[in-house]
C-alpha atoms as a PDB file:
ATOM      1  CA  MET A   1      37.645  32.823  37.737  1.00  0.00           C
ATOM      2  CA  THR A   2      34.229  32.048  36.299  1.00  0.00           C
ATOM      3  CA  ALA A   3      32.510  34.078  33.601  1.00  0.00           C
ATOM      4  CA  ALA A   4      29.980  35.289  36.178  1.00  0.00           C
ATOM      5  CA  SER A   5      32.696  36.811  38.318  1.00  0.00           C
ATOM      6  CA  THR A   6      34.388  38.824  35.562  1.00  0.00           C
ATOM      7  CA  PRO A   7      33.516  42.470  35.014  1.00  0.00           C
ATOM      8  CA  LYS A   8      31.479  41.665  32.001  1.00  0.00           C
ATOM      9  CA  GLY A   9      29.639  38.835  33.875  1.00  0.00           C
ATOM     10  CA  GLU A  10      28.937  41.181  36.850  1.00  0.00           C
ATOM     11  CA  ARG A  11      27.454  43.772  34.462  1.00  0.00           C
ATOM     12  CA  ARG A  12      25.273  41.147  32.841  1.00  0.00           C
ATOM     13  CA  ARG A  13      24.122  39.771  36.203  1.00  0.00           C
ATOM     14  CA  HIS A  14      23.357  43.316  37.392  1.00  0.00           C
ATOM     15  CA  ALA A  15      21.440  44.064  34.194  1.00  0.00           C
ATOM     16  CA  LEU A  16      19.307  40.958  34.697  1.00  0.00           C
ATOM     17  CA  VAL A  17      18.637  41.888  38.342  1.00  0.00           C
ATOM     18  CA  GLU A  18      17.670  45.437  37.413  1.00  0.00           C
ATOM     19  CA  ALA A  19      15.373  44.163  34.597  1.00  0.00           C
ATOM     20  CA  ALA A  20      13.701  41.743  37.034  1.00  0.00           C
ATOM     21  CA  ALA A  21      13.239  44.496  39.643  1.00  0.00           C
ATOM     22  CA  GLN A  22      11.623  46.705  37.094  1.00  0.00           C
ATOM     23  CA  LEU A  23       9.290  43.918  36.010  1.00  0.00           C
ATOM     24  CA  LEU A  24       8.515  43.198  39.638  1.00  0.00           C
ATOM     25  CA  ALA A  25       7.543  46.837  40.204  1.00  0.00           C
ATOM     26  CA  GLU A  26       5.447  47.002  37.005  1.00  0.00           C
ATOM     27  CA  GLY A  27       3.645  43.697  37.141  1.00  0.00           C
ATOM     28  CA  GLY A  28       4.366  41.813  40.347  1.00  0.00           C
ATOM     29  CA  PHE A  29       5.914  38.389  40.692  1.00  0.00           C
ATOM     30  CA  ASP A  30       4.009  36.938  37.719  1.00  0.00           C
ATOM     31  CA  ALA A  31       5.836  39.390  35.449  1.00  0.00           C
ATOM     32  CA  ILE A  32       9.233  37.824  36.216  1.00  0.00           C
ATOM     33  CA  ARG A  33       9.818  35.089  33.723  1.00  0.00           C
ATOM     34  CA  HIS A  34      13.137  34.126  32.234  1.00  0.00           C
ATOM     35  CA  ARG A  35      12.232  35.339  28.723  1.00  0.00           C
ATOM     36  CA  ALA A  36      10.757  38.689  29.923  1.00  0.00           C
ATOM     37  CA  VAL A  37      13.847  39.423  32.087  1.00  0.00           C
ATOM     38  CA  ALA A  38      16.326  38.547  29.303  1.00  0.00           C
ATOM     39  CA  GLU A  39      14.352  40.717  26.817  1.00  0.00           C
ATOM     40  CA  ARG A  40      14.186  43.649  29.261  1.00  0.00           C
ATOM     41  CA  ALA A  41      18.006  43.333  29.902  1.00  0.00           C
ATOM     42  CA  GLY A  42      18.800  43.029  26.233  1.00  0.00           C
ATOM     43  CA  LEU A  43      20.587  39.667  26.870  1.00  0.00           C
ATOM     44  CA  PRO A  44      20.201  36.132  25.534  1.00  0.00           C
ATOM     45  CA  LEU A  45      17.588  33.963  27.218  1.00  0.00           C
ATOM     46  CA  ALA A  46      20.200  31.480  28.343  1.00  0.00           C
ATOM     47  CA  SER A  47      21.916  34.205  30.451  1.00  0.00           C
ATOM     48  CA  THR A  48      19.073  34.026  33.041  1.00  0.00           C
ATOM     49  CA  THR A  49      19.899  30.390  33.815  1.00  0.00           C
ATOM     50  CA  TYR A  50      23.601  30.906  33.465  1.00  0.00           C
ATOM     51  CA  TYR A  51      23.794  33.591  36.130  1.00  0.00           C
ATOM     52  CA  PHE A  52      20.967  32.324  38.357  1.00  0.00           C
ATOM     53  CA  ASP A  53      20.385  28.718  39.477  1.00  0.00           C
ATOM     54  CA  SER A  54      16.631  29.176  39.565  1.00  0.00           C
ATOM     55  CA  LEU A  55      13.835  31.680  38.966  1.00  0.00           C
ATOM     56  CA  ASP A  56      13.479  31.886  42.738  1.00  0.00           C
ATOM     57  CA  GLU A  57      17.098  33.035  42.987  1.00  0.00           C
ATOM     58  CA  LEU A  58      16.485  35.690  40.313  1.00  0.00           C
ATOM     59  CA  ILE A  59      13.296  36.841  42.029  1.00  0.00           C
ATOM     60  CA  THR A  60      15.189  37.063  45.446  1.00  0.00           C
ATOM     61  CA  ALA A  61      17.886  39.157  43.774  1.00  0.00           C
ATOM     62  CA  ALA A  62      15.233  41.453  42.237  1.00  0.00           C
ATOM     63  CA  VAL A  63      13.513  41.968  45.592  1.00  0.00           C
ATOM     64  CA  MET A  64      16.779  42.644  47.346  1.00  0.00           C
ATOM     65  CA  HIS A  65      17.709  45.151  44.571  1.00  0.00           C
ATOM     66  CA  ARG A  66      14.272  46.856  44.758  1.00  0.00           C
ATOM     67  CA  GLY A  67      14.685  47.155  48.602  1.00  0.00           C
ATOM     68  CA  GLU A  68      18.156  48.641  48.231  1.00  0.00           C
ATOM     69  CA  VAL A  69      16.969  51.197  45.718  1.00  0.00           C
ATOM     70  CA  GLU A  70      13.962  52.167  47.850  1.00  0.00           C
ATOM     71  CA  PHE A  71      15.925  52.508  51.072  1.00  0.00           C
ATOM     72  CA  ALA A  72      18.697  54.490  49.400  1.00  0.00           C
ATOM     73  CA  ARG A  73      16.101  56.886  47.995  1.00  0.00           C
ATOM     74  CA  GLY A  74      14.417  57.099  51.445  1.00  0.00           C
ATOM     75  CA  TRP A  75      17.658  57.919  53.241  1.00  0.00           C
ATOM     76  CA  ALA A  76      18.493  60.537  50.556  1.00  0.00           C
ATOM     77  CA  GLN A  77      15.115  62.113  50.976  1.00  0.00           C
ATOM     78  CA  LEU A  78      15.612  62.205  54.701  1.00  0.00           C
ATOM     79  CA  GLU A  79      19.098  63.796  54.301  1.00  0.00           C
ATOM     80  CA  GLN A  80      17.487  66.612  52.162  1.00  0.00           C
ATOM     81  CA  THR A  81      14.862  67.228  54.848  1.00  0.00           C
ATOM     82  CA  PRO A  82      15.756  70.115  57.181  1.00  0.00           C
ATOM     83  CA  PRO A  83      15.774  69.343  60.897  1.00  0.00           C
ATOM     84  CA  ASN A  84      12.424  69.804  62.656  1.00  0.00           C
ATOM     85  CA  ALA A  85      10.788  69.937  59.202  1.00  0.00           C
ATOM     86  CA  GLY A  86       7.398  69.543  60.900  1.00  0.00           C
ATOM     87  CA  PHE A  87       4.114  67.668  60.588  1.00  0.00           C
ATOM     88  CA  ASP A  88       3.453  68.021  56.920  1.00  0.00           C
ATOM     89  CA  ALA A  89       6.950  66.832  55.903  1.00  0.00           C
ATOM     90  CA  LEU A  90       6.655  63.969  58.362  1.00  0.00           C
ATOM     91  CA  VAL A  91       3.378  62.733  56.843  1.00  0.00           C
ATOM     92  CA  GLU A  92       4.730  62.876  53.184  1.00  0.00           C
ATOM     93  CA  LEU A  93       7.952  61.173  54.096  1.00  0.00           C
ATOM     94  CA  VAL A  94       6.192  58.352  55.972  1.00  0.00           C
ATOM     95  CA  LEU A  95       3.870  57.882  53.035  1.00  0.00           C
ATOM     96  CA  ASP A  96       6.772  57.900  50.599  1.00  0.00           C
ATOM     97  CA  GLN A  97       8.412  55.048  52.515  1.00  0.00           C
ATOM     98  CA  LEU A  98       5.307  52.976  52.866  1.00  0.00           C
ATOM     99  CA  LEU A  99       3.686  53.582  49.492  1.00  0.00           C
ATOM    100  CA  GLY A 100       6.655  54.604  47.299  1.00  0.00           C
ATOM    101  CA  ASP A 101       7.780  57.984  46.048  1.00  0.00           C
ATOM    102  CA  GLU A 102       8.032  57.361  42.346  1.00  0.00           C
ATOM    103  CA  PRO A 103       5.995  59.718  40.238  1.00  0.00           C
ATOM    104  CA  GLU A 104       3.437  57.040  39.480  1.00  0.00           C
ATOM    105  CA  SER A 105       3.187  55.937  43.162  1.00  0.00           C
ATOM    106  CA  GLY A 106       0.128  58.112  43.748  1.00  0.00           C
ATOM    107  CA  ASP A 107      -1.551  56.049  41.030  1.00  0.00           C
ATOM    108  CA  ALA A 108      -3.946  53.473  42.469  1.00  0.00           C
ATOM    109  CA  GLU A 109      -2.595  50.778  40.149  1.00  0.00           C
ATOM    110  CA  ALA A 110       0.989  51.412  41.363  1.00  0.00           C
ATOM    111  CA  VAL A 111      -0.113  51.180  44.998  1.00  0.00           C
ATOM    112  CA  LEU A 112      -2.085  47.989  44.300  1.00  0.00           C
ATOM    113  CA  LEU A 113       0.917  46.354  42.680  1.00  0.00           C
ATOM    114  CA  ARG A 114       3.039  47.310  45.665  1.00  0.00           C
ATOM    115  CA  TYR A 115       0.642  45.710  48.044  1.00  0.00           C
ATOM    116  CA  GLU A 116       0.097  42.666  45.863  1.00  0.00           C
ATOM    117  CA  ARG A 117       3.872  42.212  45.905  1.00  0.00           C
ATOM    118  CA  LEU A 118       4.029  42.447  49.695  1.00  0.00           C
ATOM    119  CA  VAL A 119       1.127  39.970  50.196  1.00  0.00           C
ATOM    120  CA  ALA A 120       2.459  37.570  47.566  1.00  0.00           C
ATOM    121  CA  THR A 121       5.768  37.442  49.462  1.00  0.00           C
ATOM    122  CA  GLY A 122       4.007  35.409  52.120  1.00  0.00           C
ATOM    123  CA  ARG A 123       3.540  32.617  49.621  1.00  0.00           C
ATOM    124  CA  ARG A 124       7.263  32.604  48.848  1.00  0.00           C
ATOM    125  CA  PRO A 125       9.132  31.231  51.868  1.00  0.00           C
ATOM    126  CA  TYR A 126      12.509  31.763  50.223  1.00  0.00           C
ATOM    127  CA  LEU A 127      11.845  35.548  50.412  1.00  0.00           C
ATOM    128  CA  LYS A 128      11.204  35.684  54.204  1.00  0.00           C
ATOM    129  CA  PRO A 129      14.881  36.410  55.165  1.00  0.00           C
ATOM    130  CA  VAL A 130      14.974  39.337  52.643  1.00  0.00           C
ATOM    131  CA  MET A 131      11.628  40.705  53.756  1.00  0.00           C
ATOM    132  CA  GLY A 132      12.563  40.331  57.393  1.00  0.00           C
ATOM    133  CA  SER A 133      15.691  42.356  56.899  1.00  0.00           C
ATOM    134  CA  ASP A 134      13.798  44.913  54.866  1.00  0.00           C
ATOM    135  CA  ALA A 135      11.232  45.247  57.724  1.00  0.00           C
ATOM    136  CA  VAL A 136      14.023  46.118  60.131  1.00  0.00           C
ATOM    137  CA  LYS A 137      15.478  48.657  57.725  1.00  0.00           C
ATOM    138  CA  LEU A 138      12.053  50.195  57.181  1.00  0.00           C
ATOM    139  CA  ARG A 139      11.486  50.730  60.869  1.00  0.00           C
ATOM    140  CA  GLU A 140      14.900  52.241  61.338  1.00  0.00           C
ATOM    141  CA  LEU A 141      14.238  54.631  58.524  1.00  0.00           C
ATOM    142  CA  LEU A 142      10.780  55.518  59.818  1.00  0.00           C
ATOM    143  CA  SER A 143      12.228  56.119  63.284  1.00  0.00           C
ATOM    144  CA  ALA A 144      14.881  58.442  61.826  1.00  0.00           C
ATOM    145  CA  ILE A 145      12.118  60.321  59.917  1.00  0.00           C
ATOM    146  CA  PHE A 146      10.053  60.950  63.010  1.00  0.00           C
ATOM    147  CA  THR A 147      13.165  62.105  64.953  1.00  0.00           C
ATOM    148  CA  LYS A 148      14.443  64.424  62.204  1.00  0.00           C
ATOM    149  CA  CYS A 149      10.958  65.974  61.826  1.00  0.00           C
ATOM    150  CA  GLY A 150      10.960  66.759  65.574  1.00  0.00           C
ATOM    151  CA  MET A 151       8.531  64.036  66.653  1.00  0.00           C
ATOM    152  CA  PRO A 152      10.508  61.091  67.996  1.00  0.00           C
ATOM    153  CA  VAL A 153       8.398  58.010  68.734  1.00  0.00           C
ATOM    154  CA  ASP A 154       8.925  54.542  70.192  1.00  0.00           C
ATOM    155  CA  THR A 155       8.813  51.264  68.252  1.00  0.00           C
ATOM    156  CA  ALA A 156       5.219  50.641  69.270  1.00  0.00           C
ATOM    157  CA  ARG A 157       4.123  53.868  67.617  1.00  0.00           C
ATOM    158  CA  ILE A 158       6.032  52.993  64.444  1.00  0.00           C
ATOM    159  CA  GLU A 159       4.109  49.676  64.297  1.00  0.00           C
ATOM    160  CA  GLN A 160       0.852  51.501  64.746  1.00  0.00           C
ATOM    161  CA  VAL A 161       1.687  53.927  61.909  1.00  0.00           C
ATOM    162  CA  ILE A 162       2.535  51.074  59.604  1.00  0.00           C
ATOM    163  CA  ALA A 163      -0.628  49.219  60.413  1.00  0.00           C
ATOM    164  CA  LEU A 164      -2.684  52.310  60.082  1.00  0.00           C
ATOM    165  CA  VAL A 165      -1.374  53.211  56.650  1.00  0.00           C
ATOM    166  CA  ASP A 166      -1.620  49.628  55.465  1.00  0.00           C
ATOM    167  CA  GLY A 167      -5.202  49.389  56.632  1.00  0.00           C
ATOM    168  CA  ALA A 168      -6.176  52.738  55.076  1.00  0.00           C
ATOM    169  CA  VAL A 169      -4.624  51.733  51.810  1.00  0.00           C
ATOM    170  CA  LEU A 170      -6.266  48.251  51.705  1.00  0.00           C
ATOM    171  CA  ASN A 171      -9.601  49.751  52.550  1.00  0.00           C
ATOM    172  CA  ALA A 172      -9.203  52.327  49.776  1.00  0.00           C
ATOM    173  CA  ILE A 173      -8.274  49.581  47.326  1.00  0.00           C
ATOM    174  CA  ILE A 174     -11.260  47.408  48.291  1.00  0.00           C
ATOM    175  CA  GLU A 175     -13.553  50.421  47.971  1.00  0.00           C
ATOM    176  CA  ILE A 176     -12.007  51.304  44.629  1.00  0.00           C
ATOM    177  CA  HIS A 177     -11.049  54.642  46.076  1.00  0.00           C
ATOM    178  CA  ALA A 178      -9.549  56.741  43.354  1.00  0.00           C
ATOM    179  CA  ASP A 179      -6.466  57.715  45.392  1.00  0.00           C
ATOM    180  CA  PRO A 180      -5.278  55.357  48.152  1.00  0.00           C
ATOM    181  CA  ARG A 181      -2.391  57.716  49.019  1.00  0.00           C
ATOM    182  CA  ALA A 182      -4.836  60.530  49.697  1.00  0.00           C
ATOM    183  CA  ARG A 183      -6.924  58.215  51.949  1.00  0.00           C
ATOM    184  CA  ALA A 184      -3.786  57.057  53.812  1.00  0.00           C
ATOM    185  CA  ARG A 185      -2.642  60.723  54.134  1.00  0.00           C
ATOM    186  CA  GLN A 186      -6.037  61.706  55.623  1.00  0.00           C
ATOM    187  CA  ILE A 187      -6.096  58.912  58.189  1.00  0.00           C
ATOM    188  CA  LEU A 188      -2.383  59.347  59.079  1.00  0.00           C
ATOM    189  CA  ARG A 189      -2.768  63.059  59.593  1.00  0.00           C
ATOM    190  CA  ALA A 190      -5.753  62.543  61.884  1.00  0.00           C
ATOM    191  CA  ALA A 191      -3.966  59.859  63.880  1.00  0.00           C
ATOM    192  CA  LEU A 192      -0.685  61.787  64.337  1.00  0.00           C
ATOM    193  CA  ALA A 193      -2.520  64.998  65.285  1.00  0.00           C
ATOM    194  CA  GLU A 194      -4.019  63.264  68.332  1.00  0.00           C
END
């Protein structure tokens, strides 16, 4: 049994992953550095290289953890949503999944960081399997949201919704719009009302 597979080792490894995931959410990929992760986790600097073979492996674990947390929160939100919750609930649930539902997620900076993270993933080929898996999970969750809110849609419509929200948010960011979520909400409501 290695030290990494003991309960103490698992706790330390998990603390490093959580710290890296927090840094990722707050500052993007550039914020994840061995020293910053160790400091955030309250562990010695050497622990980052002891529990992870490379910074890429630590980043991958952070991205996976962040995805798990976001999907668990999304499914929990959906579970709390009454059947046939309607149009307003649908719009907010979709935006929560695509933009985040943390209290600061309405903040333009938080949305910008989220999109920077998504775009930067394309420059990290080692993340493609994780992001591919997360893309499938996102579409499953969105489909379940539409169905529970009484508006089932096919996969093509899910793709349109994702593209529509992404486009609205990116345009809002480019135009320095004060509230990209409000812009996305406006565009999504108009598109879904058709």
